[in-house]
Protein backbone atom coordinates (compact mmCIF):
# COMPACT_ATOMS: atom_id res chain seq x y z
CA ALA A 1 115.22 89.51 81.16
CA THR A 2 114.00 92.13 84.14
CA SER A 3 112.75 94.67 84.84
CA GLY A 4 113.39 94.02 88.02
CA ASN A 5 110.28 91.61 89.98
CA THR A 6 111.02 88.36 88.48
CA GLY A 7 114.46 88.88 88.35
CA ILE A 8 114.75 89.60 92.32
CA ALA A 9 112.71 86.13 92.68
CA LEU A 10 114.61 84.25 90.24
CA SER A 11 117.96 85.63 91.94
CA MET A 12 115.93 84.39 95.67
CA VAL A 13 114.75 80.84 94.45
CA GLY A 14 118.05 80.18 92.49
CA THR A 15 120.12 80.90 95.47
CA ALA A 16 117.74 79.17 97.90
CA LEU A 17 118.27 75.99 95.61
CA GLY A 18 121.34 76.70 94.73
CA TYR A 19 121.56 77.58 90.93
CA LYS A 20 123.73 79.97 89.70
CA VAL A 21 121.95 83.25 88.18
CA GLU A 22 122.06 86.04 85.57
CA LEU A 23 120.00 88.07 84.56
CA ALA A 24 119.27 91.19 81.61
CA MET A 25 118.47 94.39 82.75
CA PRO A 26 118.25 98.28 81.75
CA SER A 27 120.73 100.10 83.83
CA ASN A 28 118.44 102.56 84.21
CA VAL A 29 116.38 100.36 86.58
CA SER A 30 116.08 101.55 90.60
CA GLU A 31 119.11 100.89 92.39
CA GLU A 32 117.17 99.21 95.29
CA ARG A 33 115.86 96.49 92.62
CA LYS A 34 119.67 96.70 92.11
CA LYS A 35 121.52 96.03 95.45
CA ILE A 36 118.49 93.32 96.03
CA ILE A 37 119.44 91.61 93.32
CA GLN A 38 122.87 91.60 93.85
CA ALA A 39 122.55 90.76 98.04
CA PHE A 40 121.00 87.60 96.14
CA GLY A 41 124.03 86.73 94.41
CA ALA A 42 122.76 87.27 90.84
CA LYS A 43 125.05 88.21 88.21
CA ILE A 44 123.58 91.30 86.85
CA HIS A 45 124.24 91.85 82.84
CA PHE A 46 122.84 95.69 82.29
CA THR A 47 121.93 97.07 78.56
CA ASN A 48 121.08 100.04 77.22
CA PRO A 49 118.80 102.17 79.14
CA LEU A 50 117.13 103.46 75.90
CA GLU A 51 116.20 99.82 74.63
CA SER A 52 114.25 99.33 77.91
CA THR A 53 113.67 96.02 78.52
CA ASP A 54 113.52 95.11 75.17
CA GLY A 55 117.58 96.13 74.93
CA ALA A 56 117.99 93.16 78.43
CA ILE A 57 115.29 90.35 75.74
CA LYS A 58 117.79 90.64 72.81
CA PHE A 59 120.83 90.52 75.04
CA VAL A 60 119.95 87.49 76.97
CA ARG A 61 118.48 85.36 73.46
CA LYS A 62 122.30 85.79 72.02
CA LEU A 63 123.70 84.70 75.12
CA VAL A 64 121.75 81.62 75.28
CA GLU A 65 121.57 81.04 71.15
CA LYS A 66 125.89 81.10 72.15
CA TYR A 67 125.92 78.84 74.37
CA PRO A 68 123.17 77.06 74.39
CA ASN A 69 124.39 74.38 76.71
CA LYS A 70 125.11 76.59 79.42
CA TYR A 71 121.92 78.09 80.60
CA TYR A 72 117.92 77.62 80.94
CA TYR A 73 116.08 80.73 79.27
CA ILE A 74 112.98 80.86 81.98
CA ASP A 75 111.92 83.60 79.27
CA GLN A 76 109.25 85.31 81.30
CA TYR A 77 107.58 86.96 78.43
CA ASN A 78 106.72 83.89 76.60
CA ASN A 79 106.38 80.99 79.46
CA PRO A 80 102.98 79.99 79.60
CA SER A 81 103.66 78.77 83.02
CA ASN A 82 103.89 83.34 83.86
CA TRP A 83 100.16 83.41 83.49
CA LYS A 84 99.27 79.92 84.26
CA ALA A 85 100.64 80.81 87.55
CA HIS A 86 97.74 84.09 87.64
CA PHE A 87 95.41 82.05 85.95
CA TYR A 88 95.30 79.15 89.08
CA SER A 89 95.96 81.54 91.52
CA THR A 90 95.07 85.22 91.41
CA GLY A 91 92.15 85.32 89.37
CA VAL A 92 90.57 82.51 91.87
CA GLU A 93 91.58 84.68 94.85
CA ILE A 94 90.19 87.61 93.06
CA TRP A 95 87.11 85.71 92.75
CA GLU A 96 86.51 84.77 96.55
CA GLN A 97 87.32 87.74 98.04
CA THR A 98 84.79 90.03 96.49
CA GLU A 99 82.64 86.97 96.52
CA GLY A 100 82.12 87.12 92.73
CA LYS A 101 80.54 90.53 92.69
CA ILE A 102 84.17 92.28 90.96
CA THR A 103 83.06 94.02 87.71
CA HIS A 104 86.20 95.46 86.41
CA PHE A 105 89.65 93.74 86.86
CA ILE A 106 93.14 96.26 85.78
CA ALA A 107 96.53 95.04 85.42
CA GLY A 108 99.56 97.19 84.02
CA ILE A 109 101.44 95.40 81.01
CA GLY A 110 104.34 94.27 81.31
CA THR A 111 105.08 90.60 80.35
CA GLY A 112 101.62 90.38 80.13
CA GLY A 113 101.12 87.48 82.79
CA THR A 114 99.01 88.91 85.19
CA ILE A 115 96.52 90.30 83.49
CA MET A 116 96.09 87.12 80.79
CA GLY A 117 96.15 84.69 83.34
CA THR A 118 93.56 86.60 85.83
CA GLY A 119 91.27 87.72 82.81
CA ARG A 120 90.90 84.61 81.68
CA ARG A 121 90.20 82.62 84.92
CA LEU A 122 87.52 85.96 85.51
CA LYS A 123 86.03 85.37 82.00
CA ILE A 124 85.41 81.66 83.15
CA TYR A 125 83.96 82.89 86.01
CA ASN A 126 81.62 85.49 84.42
CA PRO A 127 82.08 86.81 80.61
CA ASP A 128 80.96 90.21 81.35
CA ILE A 129 83.10 90.85 83.68
CA GLN A 130 85.85 94.07 81.83
CA ILE A 131 89.18 93.55 81.68
CA ILE A 132 91.11 96.26 81.60
CA GLY A 133 95.28 96.73 80.04
CA VAL A 134 97.50 99.50 80.89
CA GLN A 135 100.21 100.46 78.80
CA PRO A 136 102.32 104.50 79.38
CA ASP A 137 101.30 107.05 76.69
CA SER A 138 104.37 107.33 75.35
CA PRO A 139 107.18 105.01 74.24
CA PHE A 140 109.68 107.24 75.96
CA HIS A 141 107.87 106.97 80.00
CA GLY A 142 109.11 106.15 83.26
CA ILE A 143 106.50 103.70 84.62
CA GLU A 144 108.83 101.12 85.05
CA GLY A 145 107.68 97.65 84.87
CA LEU A 146 105.55 99.19 81.89
CA LYS A 147 105.48 98.13 78.47
CA TYR A 148 104.61 100.29 75.44
CA ILE A 149 103.68 97.83 73.36
CA GLU A 150 103.26 98.60 69.57
CA THR A 151 107.06 99.87 70.01
CA SER A 152 108.38 97.11 72.23
CA ILE A 153 109.51 93.35 71.17
CA LYS A 154 105.76 92.17 72.27
CA PRO A 155 105.31 89.21 74.49
CA GLY A 156 104.64 85.72 73.23
CA ILE A 157 101.93 85.28 75.83
CA PHE A 158 100.48 88.42 75.47
CA ASP A 159 96.81 88.38 73.15
CA GLU A 160 95.52 92.26 73.33
CA ASN A 161 92.37 89.95 71.76
CA ARG A 162 91.76 88.68 75.11
CA LEU A 163 91.31 92.77 76.34
CA ASP A 164 88.14 94.76 76.91
CA ARG A 165 89.75 97.64 76.97
CA THR A 166 93.56 99.36 76.88
CA MET A 167 94.07 102.49 78.90
CA PHE A 168 97.06 104.87 78.39
CA ILE A 169 98.49 106.65 81.34
CA GLY A 170 100.84 109.42 81.84
CA THR A 171 103.92 109.40 83.74
CA ASP A 172 103.19 111.94 86.13
CA ILE A 173 99.77 111.30 86.72
CA ALA A 174 100.89 107.41 87.58
CA TYR A 175 103.69 109.59 90.18
CA GLN A 176 100.67 111.67 91.90
CA ARG A 177 98.99 108.61 92.47
CA ALA A 178 101.14 106.24 93.50
CA ARG A 179 102.17 108.96 96.12
CA GLU A 180 98.49 109.42 96.64
CA LEU A 181 97.85 105.47 97.45
CA SER A 182 101.58 106.09 100.40
CA GLN A 183 100.34 109.50 102.53
CA LYS A 184 96.23 108.81 101.67
CA GLU A 185 95.65 105.21 102.04
CA GLY A 186 98.63 103.98 103.37
CA VAL A 187 99.70 101.71 100.93
CA PHE A 188 103.33 102.20 100.14
CA VAL A 189 103.70 101.19 96.14
CA GLY A 190 105.33 101.59 92.50
CA GLN A 191 104.98 103.97 89.97
CA SER A 192 103.12 100.91 88.24
CA SER A 193 101.04 100.44 90.87
CA GLY A 194 100.10 104.51 90.43
CA ALA A 195 98.86 104.65 86.98
CA ALA A 196 96.85 101.00 87.75
CA PHE A 197 95.06 103.11 90.08
CA GLU A 198 94.79 106.14 88.14
CA ALA A 199 93.14 103.43 85.66
CA ALA A 200 90.83 103.34 87.93
CA ILE A 201 89.81 106.19 88.91
CA GLN A 202 88.90 106.41 85.73
CA ILE A 203 86.49 103.74 85.12
CA ALA A 204 84.72 105.02 88.31
CA ARG A 205 84.26 108.16 86.99
CA GLU A 206 82.41 105.99 83.79
CA ILE A 207 79.99 103.91 85.95
CA ASP A 208 77.19 103.73 88.41
CA GLU A 209 78.00 101.31 90.51
CA GLY A 210 80.47 98.16 90.35
CA VAL A 211 83.03 96.42 92.08
CA ILE A 212 86.77 97.42 90.47
CA VAL A 213 89.88 95.59 91.40
CA PHE A 214 93.41 96.62 90.25
CA ILE A 215 96.50 95.18 90.78
CA CYS A 216 99.69 96.67 92.82
CA PRO A 217 102.65 94.62 91.37
CA ASP A 218 105.21 95.64 94.25
CA GLY A 219 106.42 97.99 97.04
CA GLY A 220 107.59 101.51 96.82
CA GLU A 221 110.33 101.09 99.05
CA LYS A 222 112.18 99.97 95.30
CA TYR A 223 111.77 103.19 94.17
CA LEU A 224 113.35 105.57 97.31
CA SER A 225 116.46 106.85 94.88
CA THR A 226 113.92 107.29 92.40
CA ALA A 227 112.16 110.78 90.50
CA LEU A 228 109.22 109.20 92.14
CA TRP A 229 109.72 110.71 95.85
CA GLU A 230 112.02 113.71 94.31
CA TYR A 231 108.66 116.40 94.30
């Protein structure tokens, strides 16, 4: 089950290693992500867009239950390898590149892997670092890749108690910030990056000094056919 990015990675790796890959994803994800996955030769099962990635999760669970000997279920929402990858890489890289000066870490919540793993590592380095999660401000939103946890299937690897704060960002401002990053900074990203950027801006307005790091999970080229670039 995927909204796109992990699915693309699995499709690429599966093809390279000679494994057949089947993915479930909401039918309303961007056309670019569908085509990239199909280009790698993976099979896609499209699910009800009104259920977001929850529909994809339910579909895969039923499929694996029906054919337990046919599939290996990666299950990125409950697989500890997800957050551990960020614990051993992303968190270390951020600490080293900021020379230990980071004061706030911001990441969107999809599977929860990025913020759980990176947050764990940064808290070991300095417990005072603020770990801030970003969610859409509504169950019905247009920020692909992010979850509104209250009404979604909660990822097993996600623990809100490890966050210092959660910020809820609207779709319109997320789109606006993504466009600003592209047009003013030359950083071509997607809407979930725009949501994280808006959270960073709000934090910057609240503090007198600090080093804020926010994650841009993917590039804007995957959303050229969406409303993000129609304005």
